[in-house]
Amino acid sequence: MKLRASTALLLLAAALLPAVPGRAVEETTTVITSDGEGTMVSTDTETTITFRDHVVVTGTDLRLTCDYLEVVVLRTGDKTATIGKLDKFRSLLATGNVHMVQGAREAACGRAEVIPGQDRVILTENPVVVDHDQNTRISGEKITLLRGQRRVLVEKPTLVGPPVKDLGPLEKEKKNPEPPPPEPAKQK
């Protein structure tokens, strides 16, 4: 199934990983494809769109792959229309071999839940986030990215980062050790 998404799904790209400050990115159309069946079911207030089997999402500075994707969009307009006007992105759930890439950052997990109303992305089932620019990797049982707050909450975290400089004696002391004190002069 192939679906060209409109305004509501464009928010997906902005919601997945926190933005990189000072990095201008040209906006592109969001495209979602899958090898399996896709469905779109609407109520008077929202539309749920699901994709199965090798799901690929590409959009503004984003590539996401997973086994299953569910997108819930609030709808407006004619409530009797089969497909109403999609208005605001309410939530996204990606499961099974989830892999997201945005710029120099990538995340992998078994389950990713994006909740724009709470400005959070919740990664579970062996989540790992790698920032190639910063040479860091964080993993844990659950990683919650708080958009706009520059905060990441990690349950049982493991952080791997660049080497820390030797915190031992100062380099000057290592290279030029102080000479030993002179021996006392022998008396005649």
Protein backbone atom coordinates (compact mmCIF):
# COMPACT_ATOMS: atom_id res chain seq x y z
CA MET A 1 0.00 0.00 0.00
CA LYS A 2 1.22 3.52 -0.77
CA LEU A 3 -0.24 6.66 0.78
CA ARG A 4 0.83 10.24 0.28
CA ALA A 5 0.13 11.95 3.58
CA SER A 6 -0.95 15.53 4.15
CA THR A 7 -0.56 18.03 6.97
CA ALA A 8 -1.32 15.62 9.78
CA LEU A 9 1.38 13.12 8.87
CA LEU A 10 3.97 15.82 8.23
CA LEU A 11 3.91 16.34 11.98
CA LEU A 12 5.28 12.82 12.30
CA ALA A 13 8.71 13.95 11.16
CA ALA A 14 8.80 16.77 13.68
CA ALA A 15 7.61 14.60 16.54
CA LEU A 16 9.86 11.56 16.35
CA LEU A 17 13.21 12.87 17.51
CA PRO A 18 14.07 16.25 19.01
CA ALA A 19 15.17 18.84 16.50
CA VAL A 20 18.81 19.64 15.95
CA PRO A 21 19.33 23.33 16.80
CA GLY A 22 20.54 25.57 13.98
CA ARG A 23 19.95 22.96 11.31
CA ALA A 24 17.74 24.11 8.43
CA VAL A 25 16.02 21.28 6.59
CA GLU A 26 13.88 21.59 3.50
CA GLU A 27 10.37 20.22 4.04
CA THR A 28 9.36 17.29 1.86
CA THR A 29 6.16 15.34 1.45
CA THR A 30 5.70 12.44 3.85
CA VAL A 31 5.27 9.09 2.08
CA ILE A 32 4.31 5.85 3.80
CA THR A 33 4.58 2.51 1.99
CA SER A 34 4.08 -1.07 3.10
CA ASP A 35 4.12 -4.52 1.53
CA GLY A 36 1.00 -5.68 3.38
CA GLU A 37 -2.52 -4.49 3.80
CA GLY A 38 -3.29 -0.95 4.84
CA THR A 39 -6.56 0.20 6.34
CA MET A 40 -8.22 3.51 7.09
CA VAL A 41 -11.11 3.54 9.56
CA SER A 42 -12.92 6.74 10.54
CA THR A 43 -15.23 7.80 13.33
CA ASP A 44 -16.86 11.21 13.64
CA THR A 45 -13.78 12.56 15.40
CA GLU A 46 -10.72 10.64 14.22
CA THR A 47 -9.23 8.46 11.52
CA THR A 48 -6.96 5.49 12.25
CA ILE A 49 -4.62 4.46 9.46
CA THR A 50 -2.66 1.19 9.75
CA PHE A 51 0.12 -0.29 7.64
CA ARG A 52 1.56 -3.81 7.84
CA ASP A 53 4.68 -5.62 6.65
CA HIS A 54 7.88 -3.76 5.85
CA VAL A 55 6.51 -0.28 6.54
CA VAL A 56 8.69 2.60 5.33
CA VAL A 57 8.05 6.26 6.18
CA THR A 58 10.08 8.98 4.49
CA GLY A 59 9.63 12.69 4.99
CA THR A 60 11.32 15.86 6.10
CA ASP A 61 14.69 14.75 7.50
CA LEU A 62 13.19 11.40 8.53
CA ARG A 63 13.26 7.75 7.61
CA LEU A 64 11.34 5.22 9.71
CA THR A 65 11.00 1.50 9.12
CA CYS A 66 8.94 -1.00 11.13
CA ASP A 67 6.70 -4.06 10.83
CA TYR A 68 3.46 -2.32 11.84
CA LEU A 69 2.42 1.33 11.94
CA GLU A 70 -0.74 2.88 13.34
CA VAL A 71 -1.39 6.60 12.86
CA VAL A 72 -4.35 8.31 14.54
CA VAL A 73 -5.42 11.66 13.11
CA LEU A 74 -8.15 13.95 14.41
CA ARG A 75 -10.63 14.82 11.68
CA THR A 76 -12.79 17.83 10.99
CA GLY A 77 -15.41 18.77 8.46
CA ASP A 78 -18.34 16.69 7.22
CA LYS A 79 -18.89 13.89 9.75
CA THR A 80 -20.81 11.84 7.18
CA ALA A 81 -17.95 11.82 4.66
CA THR A 82 -16.20 8.46 4.22
CA ILE A 83 -12.82 10.16 4.46
CA GLY A 84 -13.01 13.40 6.41
CA LYS A 85 -10.50 16.21 6.44
CA LEU A 86 -7.46 15.06 8.39
CA ASP A 87 -6.58 17.84 10.80
CA LYS A 88 -4.17 17.10 13.65
CA PHE A 89 -1.89 14.18 14.30
CA ARG A 90 -2.98 12.58 17.61
CA SER A 91 -0.66 9.60 17.96
CA LEU A 92 1.60 7.15 16.22
CA LEU A 93 2.50 3.61 17.21
CA ALA A 94 5.29 1.74 15.42
CA THR A 95 6.08 -1.85 16.42
CA GLY A 96 8.41 -4.61 15.32
CA ASN A 97 11.99 -3.82 14.28
CA VAL A 98 11.49 -0.06 14.59
CA HIS A 99 14.37 1.99 13.17
CA MET A 100 14.29 5.79 12.87
CA VAL A 101 16.93 8.01 11.31
CA GLN A 102 16.93 11.80 11.52
CA GLY A 103 20.10 13.58 10.51
CA ALA A 104 23.02 12.16 12.47
CA ARG A 105 20.74 10.52 15.04
CA GLU A 106 19.06 7.18 14.93
CA ALA A 107 16.90 5.13 17.25
CA ALA A 108 16.07 1.44 17.27
CA CYS A 109 13.56 -0.42 19.42
CA GLY A 110 10.69 -2.88 19.37
CA ARG A 111 8.02 -0.25 20.04
CA ALA A 112 7.89 3.52 19.50
CA GLU A 113 4.95 5.64 20.57
CA VAL A 114 4.69 9.29 19.54
CA ILE A 115 2.26 11.48 21.48
CA PRO A 116 2.41 15.05 20.13
CA GLY A 117 -0.14 16.40 22.64
CA GLN A 118 2.32 15.52 25.41
CA ASP A 119 5.41 16.40 23.35
CA ARG A 120 6.91 12.99 24.01
CA VAL A 121 8.27 9.98 22.20
CA ILE A 122 8.38 6.73 24.21
CA LEU A 123 10.74 3.97 23.09
CA THR A 124 10.50 0.49 24.66
CA GLU A 125 11.52 -3.10 23.95
CA ASN A 126 15.32 -2.75 23.95
CA PRO A 127 15.52 0.92 22.88
CA VAL A 128 18.81 2.44 21.74
CA VAL A 129 19.43 6.03 20.63
CA VAL A 130 22.70 6.90 18.86
CA ASP A 131 23.95 10.42 18.13
CA HIS A 132 26.74 10.05 15.59
CA ASP A 133 27.72 13.74 15.82
CA GLN A 134 28.22 13.48 19.59
CA ASN A 135 29.62 9.93 19.46
CA THR A 136 27.11 8.79 22.10
CA ARG A 137 24.81 5.82 22.51
CA ILE A 138 22.18 5.43 25.22
CA SER A 139 20.07 2.39 25.94
CA GLY A 140 17.77 1.23 28.71
CA GLU A 141 14.46 -0.44 29.43
CA LYS A 142 12.47 2.64 28.42
CA ILE A 143 13.59 5.90 26.82
CA THR A 144 11.28 8.91 26.87
CA LEU A 145 12.26 11.88 24.70
CA LEU A 146 10.66 15.13 25.88
CA ARG A 147 10.40 17.40 22.87
CA GLY A 148 11.24 21.04 23.43
CA GLN A 149 12.64 20.39 26.92
CA ARG A 150 16.05 19.02 25.93
CA ARG A 151 15.39 16.13 28.30
CA VAL A 152 15.59 12.39 27.93
CA LEU A 153 14.36 10.06 30.68
CA VAL A 154 15.91 6.59 30.70
CA GLU A 155 14.96 3.68 32.92
CA LYS A 156 18.04 1.59 33.83
CA PRO A 157 20.33 3.56 31.51
CA THR A 158 23.59 2.60 29.89
CA LEU A 159 25.50 5.44 28.25
CA VAL A 160 28.45 4.91 25.95
CA GLY A 161 30.32 8.07 24.98
CA PRO A 162 33.62 9.37 23.76
CA PRO A 163 36.74 8.79 25.86
CA VAL A 164 37.25 11.01 28.88
CA LYS A 165 40.68 12.58 29.21
CA ASP A 166 42.96 11.22 31.87
CA LEU A 167 41.88 12.87 35.09
CA GLY A 168 45.14 11.97 36.84
CA PRO A 169 48.09 14.36 37.40
CA LEU A 170 48.34 17.37 35.14
CA GLU A 171 50.13 16.82 31.86
CA LYS A 172 52.84 19.34 32.84
CA GLU A 173 53.60 17.39 35.98
CA LYS A 174 53.89 14.16 33.99
CA LYS A 175 56.29 15.64 31.43
CA ASN A 176 58.41 17.78 33.73
CA PRO A 177 58.48 16.23 37.14
CA GLU A 178 59.97 18.42 39.82
CA PRO A 179 63.60 17.59 40.49
CA PRO A 180 64.25 15.89 43.80
CA PRO A 181 65.35 18.22 46.59
CA PRO A 182 69.13 18.68 46.76
CA GLU A 183 70.98 16.50 49.20
CA PRO A 184 72.36 18.30 52.24
CA ALA A 185 75.94 19.51 51.88
CA LYS A 186 78.53 17.34 53.56
CA GLN A 187 80.34 19.04 56.39
CA LYS A 188 84.11 18.85 56.51
